Amino acid sequence: MHVPLSTDIHTRLKAEAKRSGRPATVLVREAIETWLEERERAALHHAIAHYAQAVAGTSNDLDADMEKAAVEHLLDGERGEG
């Protein structure tokens, strides 16, 4: 894959490679991996938020047994029992 870079970005990338003692290709690969991971996290967050909005107020909104267990756990923690 060939990715054309502006002169400014190329100069900055080469400077960072020299400063860090790491090849520019490694720095670019890491930057792309980080960007992709951030995009995937954002997409997952969006999907979860969309689902939560879609099921709000329905029987899928909250499991009554789980809610009860969570409340009991929190109350036990306040009492120092958990």
N, C-alpha and C. Protein backbone atom coordinates (compact mmCIF):
# COMPACT_ATOMS: atom_id res chain seq x y z
N MET A 1 0.85 -1.17 0.00
CA MET A 1 0.00 0.00 0.00
C MET A 1 0.90 1.23 0.00
N HIS A 2 0.52 2.16 -0.79
CA HIS A 2 1.27 3.41 -0.87
C HIS A 2 0.35 4.52 -0.37
N VAL A 3 0.84 5.27 0.60
CA VAL A 3 0.05 6.36 1.16
C VAL A 3 0.83 7.66 0.98
N PRO A 4 0.43 8.47 0.03
CA PRO A 4 1.12 9.75 -0.17
C PRO A 4 0.92 10.66 1.05
N LEU A 5 2.00 11.28 1.48
CA LEU A 5 1.95 12.19 2.62
C LEU A 5 2.38 13.58 2.17
N SER A 6 1.83 14.57 2.81
CA SER A 6 2.29 15.93 2.53
C SER A 6 3.74 16.05 2.99
N THR A 7 4.43 17.03 2.46
CA THR A 7 5.83 17.24 2.84
C THR A 7 5.94 17.48 4.35
N ASP A 8 5.02 18.25 4.89
CA ASP A 8 5.05 18.55 6.31
C ASP A 8 4.90 17.28 7.16
N ILE A 9 3.91 16.44 6.83
CA ILE A 9 3.70 15.21 7.61
C ILE A 9 4.89 14.27 7.44
N HIS A 10 5.42 14.18 6.23
CA HIS A 10 6.57 13.31 5.99
C HIS A 10 7.77 13.77 6.82
N THR A 11 8.01 15.07 6.86
CA THR A 11 9.13 15.62 7.63
C THR A 11 8.94 15.35 9.12
N ARG A 12 7.72 15.57 9.60
CA ARG A 12 7.45 15.33 11.02
C ARG A 12 7.57 13.86 11.36
N LEU A 13 7.11 12.98 10.48
CA LEU A 13 7.20 11.54 10.70
C LEU A 13 8.66 11.10 10.76
N LYS A 14 9.47 11.56 9.81
CA LYS A 14 10.89 11.22 9.81
C LYS A 14 11.59 11.73 11.07
N ALA A 15 11.21 12.92 11.51
CA ALA A 15 11.81 13.47 12.74
C ALA A 15 11.44 12.62 13.95
N GLU A 16 10.20 12.19 14.02
CA GLU A 16 9.77 11.35 15.14
C GLU A 16 10.46 9.99 15.08
N ALA A 17 10.62 9.45 13.89
CA ALA A 17 11.31 8.16 13.75
C ALA A 17 12.75 8.29 14.24
N LYS A 18 13.41 9.37 13.87
CA LYS A 18 14.79 9.59 14.32
C LYS A 18 14.83 9.78 15.83
N ARG A 19 13.92 10.60 16.36
CA ARG A 19 13.87 10.89 17.79
C ARG A 19 13.63 9.62 18.60
N SER A 20 12.73 8.77 18.11
CA SER A 20 12.36 7.56 18.86
C SER A 20 13.26 6.37 18.56
N GLY A 21 14.05 6.49 17.48
CA GLY A 21 14.91 5.37 17.10
C GLY A 21 14.12 4.19 16.54
N ARG A 22 12.96 4.47 15.99
CA ARG A 22 12.10 3.42 15.44
C ARG A 22 11.79 3.74 13.99
N PRO A 23 11.64 2.74 13.16
CA PRO A 23 11.34 3.00 11.75
C PRO A 23 10.00 3.73 11.58
N ALA A 24 9.97 4.60 10.59
CA ALA A 24 8.74 5.34 10.30
C ALA A 24 7.60 4.40 9.98
N THR A 25 7.87 3.29 9.32
CA THR A 25 6.81 2.34 8.97
C THR A 25 6.16 1.76 10.22
N VAL A 26 6.96 1.54 11.26
CA VAL A 26 6.41 1.01 12.52
C VAL A 26 5.51 2.07 13.16
N LEU A 27 5.97 3.32 13.16
CA LEU A 27 5.17 4.40 13.74
C LEU A 27 3.84 4.56 13.00
N VAL A 28 3.89 4.48 11.67
CA VAL A 28 2.66 4.60 10.87
C VAL A 28 1.73 3.43 11.16
N ARG A 29 2.28 2.22 11.22
CA ARG A 29 1.45 1.03 11.49
C ARG A 29 0.76 1.18 12.85
N GLU A 30 1.51 1.61 13.87
CA GLU A 30 0.93 1.79 15.20
C GLU A 30 -0.15 2.87 15.19
N ALA A 31 0.10 3.94 14.46
CA ALA A 31 -0.90 5.02 14.39
C ALA A 31 -2.19 4.53 13.73
N ILE A 32 -2.05 3.75 12.68
CA ILE A 32 -3.23 3.21 12.00
C ILE A 32 -3.96 2.23 12.90
N GLU A 33 -3.22 1.37 13.59
CA GLU A 33 -3.86 0.42 14.51
C GLU A 33 -4.62 1.16 15.61
N THR A 34 -4.01 2.19 16.16
CA THR A 34 -4.67 2.98 17.21
C THR A 34 -5.93 3.65 16.67
N TRP A 35 -5.85 4.21 15.47
CA TRP A 35 -7.01 4.86 14.86
C TRP A 35 -8.13 3.86 14.63
N LEU A 36 -7.78 2.66 14.11
CA LEU A 36 -8.80 1.64 13.87
C LEU A 36 -9.45 1.19 15.18
N GLU A 37 -8.65 1.00 16.23
CA GLU A 37 -9.20 0.59 17.52
C GLU A 37 -10.15 1.66 18.06
N GLU A 38 -9.78 2.93 17.91
CA GLU A 38 -10.65 4.01 18.37
C GLU A 38 -11.97 4.02 17.58
N ARG A 39 -11.89 3.80 16.28
CA ARG A 39 -13.09 3.75 15.45
C ARG A 39 -13.99 2.57 15.84
N GLU A 40 -13.36 1.42 16.12
CA GLU A 40 -14.12 0.24 16.53
C GLU A 40 -14.79 0.47 17.88
N ARG A 41 -14.07 1.10 18.81
CA ARG A 41 -14.68 1.42 20.12
C ARG A 41 -15.84 2.38 19.95
N ALA A 42 -15.66 3.38 19.10
CA ALA A 42 -16.73 4.35 18.86
C ALA A 42 -17.95 3.67 18.23
N ALA A 43 -17.70 2.76 17.30
CA ALA A 43 -18.81 2.04 16.66
C ALA A 43 -19.54 1.16 17.68
N LEU A 44 -18.79 0.50 18.55
CA LEU A 44 -19.41 -0.33 19.59
C LEU A 44 -20.23 0.54 20.55
N HIS A 45 -19.66 1.66 20.95
CA HIS A 45 -20.38 2.58 21.84
C HIS A 45 -21.68 3.04 21.18
N HIS A 46 -21.61 3.37 19.90
CA HIS A 46 -22.80 3.81 19.17
C HIS A 46 -23.84 2.68 19.12
N ALA A 47 -23.39 1.46 18.86
CA ALA A 47 -24.32 0.33 18.78
C ALA A 47 -24.98 0.07 20.13
N ILE A 48 -24.21 0.16 21.20
CA ILE A 48 -24.77 -0.06 22.54
C ILE A 48 -25.77 1.05 22.87
N ALA A 49 -25.40 2.29 22.58
CA ALA A 49 -26.30 3.42 22.86
C ALA A 49 -27.58 3.30 22.04
N HIS A 50 -27.46 2.88 20.79
CA HIS A 50 -28.63 2.70 19.94
C HIS A 50 -29.54 1.60 20.51
N TYR A 51 -28.94 0.49 20.92
CA TYR A 51 -29.71 -0.61 21.50
C TYR A 51 -30.40 -0.14 22.79
N ALA A 52 -29.65 0.54 23.65
CA ALA A 52 -30.22 1.00 24.92
C ALA A 52 -31.41 1.93 24.67
N GLN A 53 -31.27 2.79 23.68
CA GLN A 53 -32.38 3.70 23.37
C GLN A 53 -33.58 2.93 22.81
N ALA A 54 -33.28 1.92 22.00
CA ALA A 54 -34.36 1.15 21.38
C ALA A 54 -35.15 0.33 22.39
N VAL A 55 -34.48 -0.18 23.44
CA VAL A 55 -35.17 -1.05 24.40
C VAL A 55 -35.59 -0.33 25.66
N ALA A 56 -35.30 0.97 25.75
CA ALA A 56 -35.67 1.73 26.95
C ALA A 56 -37.16 1.60 27.23
N GLY A 57 -37.47 1.22 28.43
CA GLY A 57 -38.86 1.10 28.85
C GLY A 57 -39.53 -0.20 28.46
N THR A 58 -38.82 -1.09 27.80
CA THR A 58 -39.39 -2.38 27.43
C THR A 58 -38.96 -3.44 28.44
N SER A 59 -39.44 -4.65 28.25
CA SER A 59 -39.06 -5.73 29.15
C SER A 59 -37.57 -6.07 29.02
N ASN A 60 -36.94 -5.65 27.94
CA ASN A 60 -35.50 -5.86 27.77
C ASN A 60 -34.66 -4.78 28.44
N ASP A 61 -35.33 -3.75 28.95
CA ASP A 61 -34.61 -2.61 29.51
C ASP A 61 -33.81 -2.99 30.74
N LEU A 62 -34.41 -3.71 31.66
CA LEU A 62 -33.71 -4.05 32.90
C LEU A 62 -34.26 -5.35 33.44
N ASP A 63 -33.37 -6.21 33.80
CA ASP A 63 -33.73 -7.49 34.38
C ASP A 63 -34.03 -7.25 35.87
N ALA A 64 -35.23 -7.52 36.30
CA ALA A 64 -35.65 -7.25 37.68
C ALA A 64 -34.78 -7.98 38.69
N ASP A 65 -34.42 -9.23 38.42
CA ASP A 65 -33.57 -9.98 39.34
C ASP A 65 -32.17 -9.37 39.43
N MET A 66 -31.65 -8.93 38.30
CA MET A 66 -30.32 -8.30 38.31
C MET A 66 -30.37 -6.98 39.05
N GLU A 67 -31.44 -6.21 38.85
CA GLU A 67 -31.57 -4.94 39.55
C GLU A 67 -31.62 -5.17 41.05
N LYS A 68 -32.41 -6.15 41.49
CA LYS A 68 -32.52 -6.46 42.91
C LYS A 68 -31.16 -6.87 43.48
N ALA A 69 -30.44 -7.72 42.76
CA ALA A 69 -29.12 -8.16 43.22
C ALA A 69 -28.16 -6.98 43.32
N ALA A 70 -28.22 -6.07 42.35
CA ALA A 70 -27.33 -4.90 42.37
C ALA A 70 -27.64 -4.00 43.55
N VAL A 71 -28.92 -3.77 43.82
CA VAL A 71 -29.31 -2.93 44.95
C VAL A 71 -28.86 -3.57 46.25
N GLU A 72 -29.06 -4.86 46.40
CA GLU A 72 -28.63 -5.57 47.61
C GLU A 72 -27.11 -5.48 47.77
N HIS A 73 -26.40 -5.64 46.69
CA HIS A 73 -24.94 -5.55 46.75
C HIS A 73 -24.50 -4.16 47.20
N LEU A 74 -25.12 -3.13 46.63
CA LEU A 74 -24.77 -1.76 47.02
C LEU A 74 -25.10 -1.49 48.49
N LEU A 75 -26.25 -1.97 48.92
CA LEU A 75 -26.63 -1.77 50.32
C LEU A 75 -25.70 -2.52 51.26
N ASP A 76 -25.31 -3.74 50.90
CA ASP A 76 -24.36 -4.50 51.72
C ASP A 76 -23.03 -3.77 51.81
N GLY A 77 -22.60 -3.15 50.70
CA GLY A 77 -21.34 -2.41 50.70
C GLY A 77 -21.40 -1.19 51.60
N GLU A 78 -22.56 -0.53 51.65
CA GLU A 78 -22.73 0.62 52.53
C GLU A 78 -22.70 0.21 54.00
N ARG A 79 -23.15 -1.00 54.25
CA ARG A 79 -23.16 -1.53 55.64
C ARG A 79 -21.83 -2.15 56.00
N GLY A 80 -20.93 -2.26 55.02
CA GLY A 80 -19.63 -2.87 55.27
C GLY A 80 -19.67 -4.38 55.29
N GLU A 81 -20.66 -4.99 54.63
CA GLU A 81 -20.83 -6.43 54.67
C GLU A 81 -20.30 -7.11 53.41
N GLY A 82 -19.85 -6.45 52.44
CA GLY A 82 -19.58 -7.10 51.19
C GLY A 82 -18.20 -7.14 50.78
